[in-house]
Structures are given as C-alpha cells and as structure tokens.
C-alpha atoms as a PDB file:
ATOM      1  CA  UNK A   1      14.710 -37.699 -18.829  1.00  0.00           C
ATOM      2  CA  UNK A   2      17.170 -40.226 -17.438  1.00  0.00           C
ATOM      3  CA  UNK A   3      20.051 -39.606 -15.074  1.00  0.00           C
ATOM      4  CA  UNK A   4      22.421 -41.854 -17.024  1.00  0.00           C
ATOM      5  CA  UNK A   5      25.739 -40.313 -17.955  1.00  0.00           C
ATOM      6  CA  UNK A   6      28.293 -41.878 -20.223  1.00  0.00           C
ATOM      7  CA  UNK A   7      31.377 -43.076 -18.350  1.00  0.00           C
ATOM      8  CA  UNK A   8      34.209 -40.594 -18.204  1.00  0.00           C
ATOM      9  CA  UNK A   9      37.150 -41.448 -20.424  1.00  0.00           C
ATOM     10  CA  UNK A  10      39.848 -43.407 -18.622  1.00  0.00           C
ATOM     11  CA  UNK A  11      43.072 -41.652 -17.799  1.00  0.00           C
ATOM     12  CA  UNK A  12      46.175 -42.355 -19.851  1.00  0.00           C
ATOM     13  CA  UNK A  13      48.150 -45.226 -18.352  1.00  0.00           C
ATOM     14  CA  UNK A  14      51.617 -43.702 -18.679  1.00  0.00           C
ATOM     15  CA  UNK A  15      53.984 -42.622 -15.925  1.00  0.00           C
ATOM     16  CA  UNK A  16      57.576 -41.545 -15.323  1.00  0.00           C
ATOM     17  CA  UNK A  17      60.011 -43.912 -13.598  1.00  0.00           C
ATOM     18  CA  UNK A  18      60.062 -41.685 -10.466  1.00  0.00           C
ATOM     19  CA  UNK A  19      56.266 -41.599 -10.302  1.00  0.00           C
ATOM     20  CA  UNK A  20      56.077 -45.379 -10.706  1.00  0.00           C
ATOM     21  CA  UNK A  21      58.552 -45.927  -7.863  1.00  0.00           C
ATOM     22  CA  UNK A  22      56.594 -43.468  -5.681  1.00  0.00           C
ATOM     23  CA  UNK A  23      53.330 -45.370  -6.248  1.00  0.00           C
ATOM     24  CA  UNK A  24      55.011 -48.710  -5.456  1.00  0.00           C
ATOM     25  CA  UNK A  25      56.509 -47.234  -2.272  1.00  0.00           C
ATOM     26  CA  UNK A  26      53.083 -45.876  -1.270  1.00  0.00           C
ATOM     27  CA  UNK A  27      51.471 -49.292  -1.736  1.00  0.00           C
ATOM     28  CA  UNK A  28      54.259 -50.964   0.229  1.00  0.00           C
ATOM     29  CA  UNK A  29      53.876 -48.378   3.040  1.00  0.00           C
ATOM     30  CA  UNK A  30      50.111 -48.890   3.148  1.00  0.00           C
ATOM     31  CA  UNK A  31      50.367 -52.686   3.398  1.00  0.00           C
ATOM     32  CA  UNK A  32      53.410 -53.115   5.627  1.00  0.00           C
ATOM     33  CA  UNK A  33      53.353 -50.071   7.904  1.00  0.00           C
ATOM     34  CA  UNK A  34      50.068 -48.190   8.039  1.00  0.00           C
ATOM     35  CA  UNK A  35      47.563 -51.042   7.797  1.00  0.00           C
ATOM     36  CA  UNK A  36      49.109 -53.174  10.599  1.00  0.00           C
ATOM     37  CA  UNK A  37      49.158 -50.109  12.905  1.00  0.00           C
ATOM     38  CA  UNK A  38      45.487 -49.361  12.223  1.00  0.00           C
ATOM     39  CA  UNK A  39      44.485 -53.024  12.641  1.00  0.00           C
ATOM     40  CA  UNK A  40      46.273 -53.127  16.018  1.00  0.00           C
ATOM     41  CA  UNK A  41      44.550 -49.894  17.129  1.00  0.00           C
ATOM     42  CA  UNK A  42      41.196 -51.230  15.880  1.00  0.00           C
ATOM     43  CA  UNK A  43      41.615 -54.432  17.884  1.00  0.00           C
ATOM     44  CA  UNK A  44      42.459 -52.406  20.997  1.00  0.00           C
ATOM     45  CA  UNK A  45      39.390 -50.192  20.469  1.00  0.00           C
ATOM     46  CA  UNK A  46      37.177 -53.236  19.913  1.00  0.00           C
ATOM     47  CA  UNK A  47      38.406 -54.778  23.166  1.00  0.00           C
ATOM     48  CA  UNK A  48      37.108 -51.791  25.129  1.00  0.00           C
ATOM     49  CA  UNK A  49      33.570 -53.086  24.982  1.00  0.00           C
ATOM     50  CA  UNK A  50      30.432 -51.435  23.578  1.00  0.00           C
ATOM     51  CA  UNK A  51      31.210 -50.651  19.949  1.00  0.00           C
ATOM     52  CA  UNK A  52      28.095 -48.609  19.262  1.00  0.00           C
ATOM     53  CA  UNK A  53      29.318 -45.710  21.409  1.00  0.00           C
ATOM     54  CA  UNK A  54      33.029 -46.179  20.815  1.00  0.00           C
ATOM     55  CA  UNK A  55      34.318 -43.260  18.716  1.00  0.00           C
ATOM     56  CA  UNK A  56      37.837 -44.724  18.464  1.00  0.00           C
ATOM     57  CA  UNK A  57      36.441 -47.958  17.027  1.00  0.00           C
ATOM     58  CA  UNK A  58      34.314 -46.081  14.453  1.00  0.00           C
ATOM     59  CA  UNK A  59      37.240 -43.875  13.435  1.00  0.00           C
ATOM     60  CA  UNK A  60      39.613 -46.819  13.029  1.00  0.00           C
ATOM     61  CA  UNK A  61      37.053 -48.753  10.931  1.00  0.00           C
ATOM     62  CA  UNK A  62      36.741 -45.771   8.567  1.00  0.00           C
ATOM     63  CA  UNK A  63      40.527 -45.337   8.447  1.00  0.00           C
ATOM     64  CA  UNK A  64      40.994 -49.028   7.626  1.00  0.00           C
ATOM     65  CA  UNK A  65      38.400 -48.742   4.843  1.00  0.00           C
ATOM     66  CA  UNK A  66      40.266 -45.769   3.335  1.00  0.00           C
ATOM     67  CA  UNK A  67      43.581 -47.625   3.474  1.00  0.00           C
ATOM     68  CA  UNK A  68      42.055 -50.725   1.870  1.00  0.00           C
ATOM     69  CA  UNK A  69      40.371 -48.634  -0.846  1.00  0.00           C
ATOM     70  CA  UNK A  70      43.628 -46.887  -1.776  1.00  0.00           C
ATOM     71  CA  UNK A  71      45.616 -50.148  -1.651  1.00  0.00           C
ATOM     72  CA  UNK A  72      43.043 -51.866  -3.893  1.00  0.00           C
ATOM     73  CA  UNK A  73      43.220 -48.983  -6.382  1.00  0.00           C
ATOM     74  CA  UNK A  74      47.036 -49.022  -6.445  1.00  0.00           C
ATOM     75  CA  UNK A  75      47.116 -52.822  -6.767  1.00  0.00           C
ATOM     76  CA  UNK A  76      45.028 -52.564  -9.932  1.00  0.00           C
ATOM     77  CA  UNK A  77      46.580 -49.371 -11.322  1.00  0.00           C
ATOM     78  CA  UNK A  78      50.301 -50.162 -10.967  1.00  0.00           C
ATOM     79  CA  UNK A  79      50.301 -53.239 -13.279  1.00  0.00           C
ATOM     80  CA  UNK A  80      48.326 -51.270 -15.905  1.00  0.00           C
ATOM     81  CA  UNK A  81      50.851 -48.415 -16.048  1.00  0.00           C
ATOM     82  CA  UNK A  82      53.487 -48.104 -18.770  1.00  0.00           C
ATOM     83  CA  UNK A  83      56.726 -46.485 -17.644  1.00  0.00           C
ATOM     84  CA  UNK A  84      58.097 -43.969 -20.152  1.00  0.00           C
ATOM     85  CA  UNK A  85      61.876 -44.336 -20.110  1.00  0.00           C
ATOM     86  CA  UNK A  86      64.246 -41.685 -21.415  1.00  0.00           C
ATOM     87  CA  UNK A  87      63.734 -38.727 -23.712  1.00  0.00           C
ATOM     88  CA  UNK A  88      62.152 -38.971 -27.176  1.00  0.00           C
ATOM     89  CA  UNK A  89      64.308 -39.032 -30.301  1.00  0.00           C
ATOM     90  CA  UNK A  90      63.124 -35.527 -31.276  1.00  0.00           C
ATOM     91  CA  UNK A  91      64.121 -33.474 -28.207  1.00  0.00           C
ATOM     92  CA  UNK A  92      62.993 -30.180 -29.793  1.00  0.00           C
ATOM     93  CA  UNK A  93      59.302 -31.113 -29.781  1.00  0.00           C
ATOM     94  CA  UNK A  94      56.994 -31.396 -26.748  1.00  0.00           C
ATOM     95  CA  UNK A  95      56.183 -34.951 -25.681  1.00  0.00           C
ATOM     96  CA  UNK A  96      55.519 -36.787 -22.419  1.00  0.00           C
ATOM     97  CA  UNK A  97      58.042 -35.899 -19.724  1.00  0.00           C
ATOM     98  CA  UNK A  98      58.950 -32.513 -21.206  1.00  0.00           C
ATOM     99  CA  UNK A  99      59.608 -29.517 -18.977  1.00  0.00           C
ATOM    100  CA  UNK A 100      58.227 -26.565 -20.908  1.00  0.00           C
ATOM    101  CA  UNK A 101      58.283 -22.802 -20.479  1.00  0.00           C
ATOM    102  CA  UNK A 102      55.303 -21.005 -21.989  1.00  0.00           C
ATOM    103  CA  UNK A 103      54.544 -17.321 -22.418  1.00  0.00           C
ATOM    104  CA  UNK A 104      50.930 -16.235 -22.107  1.00  0.00           C
ATOM    105  CA  UNK A 105      50.588 -13.900 -25.108  1.00  0.00           C
ATOM    106  CA  UNK A 106      47.796 -11.853 -23.517  1.00  0.00           C
ATOM    107  CA  UNK A 107      49.563 -11.068 -20.244  1.00  0.00           C
ATOM    108  CA  UNK A 108      53.221 -11.673 -21.119  1.00  0.00           C
ATOM    109  CA  UNK A 109      53.557 -13.920 -18.062  1.00  0.00           C
ATOM    110  CA  UNK A 110      55.916 -16.915 -18.303  1.00  0.00           C
ATOM    111  CA  UNK A 111      54.913 -20.233 -16.729  1.00  0.00           C
ATOM    112  CA  UNK A 112      56.773 -23.537 -16.392  1.00  0.00           C
ATOM    113  CA  UNK A 113      55.157 -26.955 -16.530  1.00  0.00           C
ATOM    114  CA  UNK A 114      56.256 -30.550 -16.728  1.00  0.00           C
ATOM    115  CA  UNK A 115      54.020 -32.999 -18.582  1.00  0.00           C
ATOM    116  CA  UNK A 116      53.567 -36.148 -16.492  1.00  0.00           C
ATOM    117  CA  UNK A 117      51.055 -38.970 -16.092  1.00  0.00           C
ATOM    118  CA  UNK A 118      47.679 -38.424 -14.420  1.00  0.00           C
ATOM    119  CA  UNK A 119      48.800 -40.361 -11.330  1.00  0.00           C
ATOM    120  CA  UNK A 120      51.658 -37.972 -10.527  1.00  0.00           C
ATOM    121  CA  UNK A 121      50.267 -34.474 -11.157  1.00  0.00           C
ATOM    122  CA  UNK A 122      51.201 -31.815  -8.617  1.00  0.00           C
ATOM    123  CA  UNK A 123      50.047 -28.224  -9.071  1.00  0.00           C
ATOM    124  CA  UNK A 124      52.607 -26.849  -6.591  1.00  0.00           C
ATOM    125  CA  UNK A 125      55.471 -28.289  -8.653  1.00  0.00           C
ATOM    126  CA  UNK A 126      53.860 -27.311 -11.968  1.00  0.00           C
ATOM    127  CA  UNK A 127      53.402 -30.938 -13.031  1.00  0.00           C
ATOM    128  CA  UNK A 128      50.362 -31.226 -15.300  1.00  0.00           C
ATOM    129  CA  UNK A 129      48.671 -34.356 -16.574  1.00  0.00           C
ATOM    130  CA  UNK A 130      49.135 -35.404 -20.168  1.00  0.00           C
ATOM    131  CA  UNK A 131      45.320 -35.590 -20.220  1.00  0.00           C
ATOM    132  CA  UNK A 132      44.912 -31.882 -19.339  1.00  0.00           C
ATOM    133  CA  UNK A 133      43.667 -29.482 -22.032  1.00  0.00           C
ATOM    134  CA  UNK A 134      46.922 -27.485 -21.954  1.00  0.00           C
ATOM    135  CA  UNK A 135      49.119 -30.578 -22.359  1.00  0.00           C
ATOM    136  CA  UNK A 136      46.960 -31.926 -25.191  1.00  0.00           C
ATOM    137  CA  UNK A 137      47.203 -28.577 -26.996  1.00  0.00           C
ATOM    138  CA  UNK A 138      51.001 -28.283 -26.653  1.00  0.00           C
ATOM    139  CA  UNK A 139      51.930 -31.862 -27.664  1.00  0.00           C
ATOM    140  CA  UNK A 140      54.173 -32.104 -30.747  1.00  0.00           C
ATOM    141  CA  UNK A 141      54.735 -28.337 -30.850  1.00  0.00           C
ATOM    142  CA  UNK A 142      58.252 -26.822 -30.955  1.00  0.00           C
ATOM    143  CA  UNK A 143      60.055 -23.779 -29.543  1.00  0.00           C
ATOM    144  CA  UNK A 144      58.671 -20.497 -30.955  1.00  0.00           C
ATOM    145  CA  UNK A 145      55.371 -22.179 -31.960  1.00  0.00           C
ATOM    146  CA  UNK A 146      52.184 -20.416 -30.942  1.00  0.00           C
ATOM    147  CA  UNK A 147      49.093 -22.386 -29.948  1.00  0.00           C
ATOM    148  CA  UNK A 148      45.699 -21.947 -28.315  1.00  0.00           C
ATOM    149  CA  UNK A 149      44.377 -23.946 -25.389  1.00  0.00           C
ATOM    150  CA  UNK A 150      40.833 -24.082 -24.054  1.00  0.00           C
ATOM    151  CA  UNK A 151      41.321 -23.500 -20.314  1.00  0.00           C
ATOM    152  CA  UNK A 152      38.728 -23.008 -17.547  1.00  0.00           C
ATOM    153  CA  UNK A 153      39.253 -19.232 -17.832  1.00  0.00           C
ATOM    154  CA  UNK A 154      38.606 -19.324 -21.587  1.00  0.00           C
ATOM    155  CA  UNK A 155      40.636 -19.678 -24.747  1.00  0.00           C
ATOM    156  CA  UNK A 156      44.272 -18.628 -24.189  1.00  0.00           C
ATOM    157  CA  UNK A 157      47.175 -18.198 -26.614  1.00  0.00           C
ATOM    158  CA  UNK A 158      50.668 -19.301 -25.647  1.00  0.00           C
ATOM    159  CA  UNK A 159      54.155 -19.181 -27.142  1.00  0.00           C
ATOM    160  CA  UNK A 160      56.583 -22.004 -26.416  1.00  0.00           C
ATOM    161  CA  UNK A 161      59.779 -20.448 -25.035  1.00  0.00           C
ATOM    162  CA  UNK A 162      61.733 -23.569 -23.992  1.00  0.00           C
ATOM    163  CA  UNK A 163      61.524 -27.377 -24.093  1.00  0.00           C
ATOM    164  CA  UNK A 164      63.755 -29.580 -21.928  1.00  0.00           C
ATOM    165  CA  UNK A 165      63.919 -33.216 -20.916  1.00  0.00           C
ATOM    166  CA  UNK A 166      65.431 -34.662 -17.741  1.00  0.00           C
ATOM    167  CA  UNK A 167      68.986 -35.919 -18.168  1.00  0.00           C
END
C-alpha cells in the first residue's frame, strides 16, 4: 500500500476588493517594514560571535524564514487572484460577496455569514470561504429557499432568511 495521496484541489482564486488591498498591504509591510527590521536584528545577533549557542541568532533566522515564506506565497498568489467588483445582476440570489442570514431548521437558531474568497476568511466576523461546504450548498439559492449542507457535525437543513450585498 502506497502513501501517495492525490493533491488537494486548489482554492478558488477570487477575492473582494477589500481583501485584495489587505493582501497587498500585508506584502508591502513584510518587504518594507518587517523584513528590514529582522535582517538588522539578525546582523546584530550574528556579530555577537558564536552562532551555535546564540538563541537570538537562531530565532531571527527562523523569523526571517517565516517572513520570506509568506512573502513568496503572497507574491505568487496576488497576481493569480481575480477581484470580484460590485454586486451581481440578480441581487435576490446568493453569489460571491453576499451577506446571508440563515435559520437552522433543527434548532431555530439564526446565523449570519458573508461569502468571501479563501484568502480572506475570518470565523470571528462570520466570513466563510466560497469553497466551504455551506457556501457551496447555498450558492444560487434565494430567500425562503430551504437547503441541506453536509457540515462537520452532520447533515443540516437551513432556510435562507435574508440576502444582502455591500453597497
């Protein structure tokens, strides 16, 4: 039996304008602010002498590697992204960028989500990736439509209460 696994499917290369600007700002911050500070601190730690027992030197090398790894990822990802501008023509249906209110039919609980790109998801804000099972299940549905989604806790039925798009 081999250990080979098929590659995971790539994430959807779509993003909101705000998310795109945030990623560009992060890359700019990494290159022009954070990296020069770490390089300066690394040079100072290297000047202290024996590097094999120098914890500051080891820490700064790891930190520089993390910064370079993230910057390399962003440098490749940003040009591949497609910015979704504006709301769709059919504002009553759920598409990318929609802020939706759902009612869990089993518990009666209402939840709010916004469907965004995989690079800008944030659970605290209720921003879910368009690649998530819930977002895939709700796409193209309308207010008062019922649908089922396969979630980690099992199959769950929802009712769409509201669909809105940013102004």
